[in-house]
């Protein structure tokens, strides 16, 4: 997945990640067998993504190119194989860490 080239595109990606969490949660309401796979991280990931999105729209987000990982990355690394939208999260974090696509 290509990194965004500006702040608005990054905000859109974070919003998309929040939507993906909502969609996953909706699917789990109908499939108790799958819920055990996602329960250990879904609530925390949801909260972190919503907090990131809120910081972006409120103007408190520190900006891209900071060199460090976003807070959700520790959780991501533990549960990466179980996250269906992992490429989206990787792209968001890479943009935060390295900056926009030139």
C-alpha atoms as a PDB file:
ATOM      1  CA  UNK A   1       0.000   0.000   0.000  1.00  0.00           C
ATOM      2  CA  UNK A   2       1.360   3.391  -0.999  1.00  0.00           C
ATOM      3  CA  UNK A   3       1.925   5.987   1.727  1.00  0.00           C
ATOM      4  CA  UNK A   4      -0.257   9.100   1.563  1.00  0.00           C
ATOM      5  CA  UNK A   5       1.219  12.249   0.087  1.00  0.00           C
ATOM      6  CA  UNK A   6      -0.451  14.738   2.450  1.00  0.00           C
ATOM      7  CA  UNK A   7      -2.100  15.147   5.836  1.00  0.00           C
ATOM      8  CA  UNK A   8      -5.680  14.840   4.553  1.00  0.00           C
ATOM      9  CA  UNK A   9      -4.894  11.493   2.950  1.00  0.00           C
ATOM     10  CA  UNK A  10      -3.339  10.297   6.212  1.00  0.00           C
ATOM     11  CA  UNK A  11      -6.453  11.340   8.149  1.00  0.00           C
ATOM     12  CA  UNK A  12      -8.531   9.412   5.613  1.00  0.00           C
ATOM     13  CA  UNK A  13      -6.401   6.292   6.175  1.00  0.00           C
ATOM     14  CA  UNK A  14      -6.814   6.523   9.941  1.00  0.00           C
ATOM     15  CA  UNK A  15     -10.559   7.012   9.474  1.00  0.00           C
ATOM     16  CA  UNK A  16     -10.575   3.929   7.241  1.00  0.00           C
ATOM     17  CA  UNK A  17      -8.783   1.940   9.968  1.00  0.00           C
ATOM     18  CA  UNK A  18     -11.440   2.991  12.498  1.00  0.00           C
ATOM     19  CA  UNK A  19     -14.091   1.867  10.014  1.00  0.00           C
ATOM     20  CA  UNK A  20     -12.317  -1.491   9.564  1.00  0.00           C
ATOM     21  CA  UNK A  21     -12.394  -2.048  13.327  1.00  0.00           C
ATOM     22  CA  UNK A  22     -16.124  -1.262  13.341  1.00  0.00           C
ATOM     23  CA  UNK A  23     -16.708  -3.682  10.475  1.00  0.00           C
ATOM     24  CA  UNK A  24     -14.716  -6.425  12.172  1.00  0.00           C
ATOM     25  CA  UNK A  25     -16.652  -5.892  15.376  1.00  0.00           C
ATOM     26  CA  UNK A  26     -19.949  -6.123  13.460  1.00  0.00           C
ATOM     27  CA  UNK A  27     -18.876  -9.404  11.860  1.00  0.00           C
ATOM     28  CA  UNK A  28     -17.937 -10.833  15.248  1.00  0.00           C
ATOM     29  CA  UNK A  29     -21.424 -10.211  16.604  1.00  0.00           C
ATOM     30  CA  UNK A  30     -22.560 -13.080  14.399  1.00  0.00           C
ATOM     31  CA  UNK A  31     -19.583 -15.424  14.814  1.00  0.00           C
ATOM     32  CA  UNK A  32     -18.666 -16.407  18.360  1.00  0.00           C
ATOM     33  CA  UNK A  33     -15.985 -18.817  17.133  1.00  0.00           C
ATOM     34  CA  UNK A  34     -13.975 -16.007  15.535  1.00  0.00           C
ATOM     35  CA  UNK A  35     -14.470 -13.604  18.436  1.00  0.00           C
ATOM     36  CA  UNK A  36     -11.817 -15.352  20.544  1.00  0.00           C
ATOM     37  CA  UNK A  37      -9.193 -14.495  17.928  1.00  0.00           C
ATOM     38  CA  UNK A  38      -9.886 -10.754  18.055  1.00  0.00           C
ATOM     39  CA  UNK A  39     -11.032 -10.163  21.637  1.00  0.00           C
ATOM     40  CA  UNK A  40      -7.489  -9.863  23.082  1.00  0.00           C
ATOM     41  CA  UNK A  41      -6.735  -6.719  21.064  1.00  0.00           C
ATOM     42  CA  UNK A  42      -9.800  -5.264  19.358  1.00  0.00           C
ATOM     43  CA  UNK A  43     -10.970  -2.880  22.101  1.00  0.00           C
ATOM     44  CA  UNK A  44      -7.485  -1.514  22.719  1.00  0.00           C
ATOM     45  CA  UNK A  45      -6.754  -1.101  19.010  1.00  0.00           C
ATOM     46  CA  UNK A  46     -10.104   0.626  18.533  1.00  0.00           C
ATOM     47  CA  UNK A  47      -9.385   3.095  21.346  1.00  0.00           C
ATOM     48  CA  UNK A  48      -5.885   3.887  20.066  1.00  0.00           C
ATOM     49  CA  UNK A  49      -7.060   4.470  16.497  1.00  0.00           C
ATOM     50  CA  UNK A  50      -9.938   6.689  17.622  1.00  0.00           C
ATOM     51  CA  UNK A  51      -7.560   8.672  19.821  1.00  0.00           C
ATOM     52  CA  UNK A  52      -5.155   9.100  16.897  1.00  0.00           C
ATOM     53  CA  UNK A  53      -7.978  10.230  14.611  1.00  0.00           C
ATOM     54  CA  UNK A  54      -9.262  12.685  17.231  1.00  0.00           C
ATOM     55  CA  UNK A  55      -5.781  14.159  17.679  1.00  0.00           C
ATOM     56  CA  UNK A  56      -5.559  14.669  13.922  1.00  0.00           C
ATOM     57  CA  UNK A  57      -8.905  16.401  13.519  1.00  0.00           C
ATOM     58  CA  UNK A  58      -8.457  18.503  16.677  1.00  0.00           C
ATOM     59  CA  UNK A  59      -4.992  19.711  15.692  1.00  0.00           C
ATOM     60  CA  UNK A  60      -3.058  18.064  18.530  1.00  0.00           C
ATOM     61  CA  UNK A  61      -1.369  15.393  16.379  1.00  0.00           C
ATOM     62  CA  UNK A  62       2.389  16.077  16.512  1.00  0.00           C
ATOM     63  CA  UNK A  63       2.919  15.433  12.791  1.00  0.00           C
ATOM     64  CA  UNK A  64       4.619  12.954  10.496  1.00  0.00           C
ATOM     65  CA  UNK A  65       8.298  12.143  10.187  1.00  0.00           C
ATOM     66  CA  UNK A  66       8.773  11.821  13.948  1.00  0.00           C
ATOM     67  CA  UNK A  67      10.876   8.674  13.669  1.00  0.00           C
ATOM     68  CA  UNK A  68       8.992   6.687  16.316  1.00  0.00           C
ATOM     69  CA  UNK A  69       6.141   4.221  16.117  1.00  0.00           C
ATOM     70  CA  UNK A  70       2.552   5.066  16.899  1.00  0.00           C
ATOM     71  CA  UNK A  71       1.178   3.704  20.201  1.00  0.00           C
ATOM     72  CA  UNK A  72      -0.788   0.896  18.533  1.00  0.00           C
ATOM     73  CA  UNK A  73       2.340  -0.739  17.124  1.00  0.00           C
ATOM     74  CA  UNK A  74       3.190  -2.753  20.264  1.00  0.00           C
ATOM     75  CA  UNK A  75      -0.269  -4.303  20.113  1.00  0.00           C
ATOM     76  CA  UNK A  76       0.018  -4.668  16.346  1.00  0.00           C
ATOM     77  CA  UNK A  77       3.282  -6.606  16.612  1.00  0.00           C
ATOM     78  CA  UNK A  78       1.758  -9.084  19.075  1.00  0.00           C
ATOM     79  CA  UNK A  79      -1.368  -9.729  16.988  1.00  0.00           C
ATOM     80  CA  UNK A  80      -0.287  -8.868  13.444  1.00  0.00           C
ATOM     81  CA  UNK A  81      -1.263 -12.209  11.922  1.00  0.00           C
ATOM     82  CA  UNK A  82      -4.804 -11.860  13.239  1.00  0.00           C
ATOM     83  CA  UNK A  83      -5.434  -8.333  11.929  1.00  0.00           C
ATOM     84  CA  UNK A  84      -7.127  -8.446   8.516  1.00  0.00           C
ATOM     85  CA  UNK A  85      -6.248  -4.799   7.732  1.00  0.00           C
ATOM     86  CA  UNK A  86      -2.608  -5.015   8.836  1.00  0.00           C
ATOM     87  CA  UNK A  87      -1.260  -3.374   5.651  1.00  0.00           C
ATOM     88  CA  UNK A  88      -3.378  -0.313   6.355  1.00  0.00           C
ATOM     89  CA  UNK A  89      -1.953  -0.049   9.871  1.00  0.00           C
ATOM     90  CA  UNK A  90       1.598  -0.569   8.582  1.00  0.00           C
ATOM     91  CA  UNK A  91       1.106   2.255   6.080  1.00  0.00           C
ATOM     92  CA  UNK A  92      -0.274   4.631   8.713  1.00  0.00           C
ATOM     93  CA  UNK A  93       2.654   3.911  11.021  1.00  0.00           C
ATOM     94  CA  UNK A  94       5.254   4.166   8.232  1.00  0.00           C
ATOM     95  CA  UNK A  95       3.864   7.551   7.242  1.00  0.00           C
ATOM     96  CA  UNK A  96       3.950   8.752  10.840  1.00  0.00           C
ATOM     97  CA  UNK A  97       7.507   7.497  11.251  1.00  0.00           C
ATOM     98  CA  UNK A  98       9.039   8.420   7.885  1.00  0.00           C
ATOM     99  CA  UNK A  99       6.864  11.150   6.385  1.00  0.00           C
ATOM    100  CA  UNK A 100       4.652  11.441   3.332  1.00  0.00           C
ATOM    101  CA  UNK A 101       5.203   9.836  -0.058  1.00  0.00           C
ATOM    102  CA  UNK A 102       7.115  12.228  -2.275  1.00  0.00           C
END
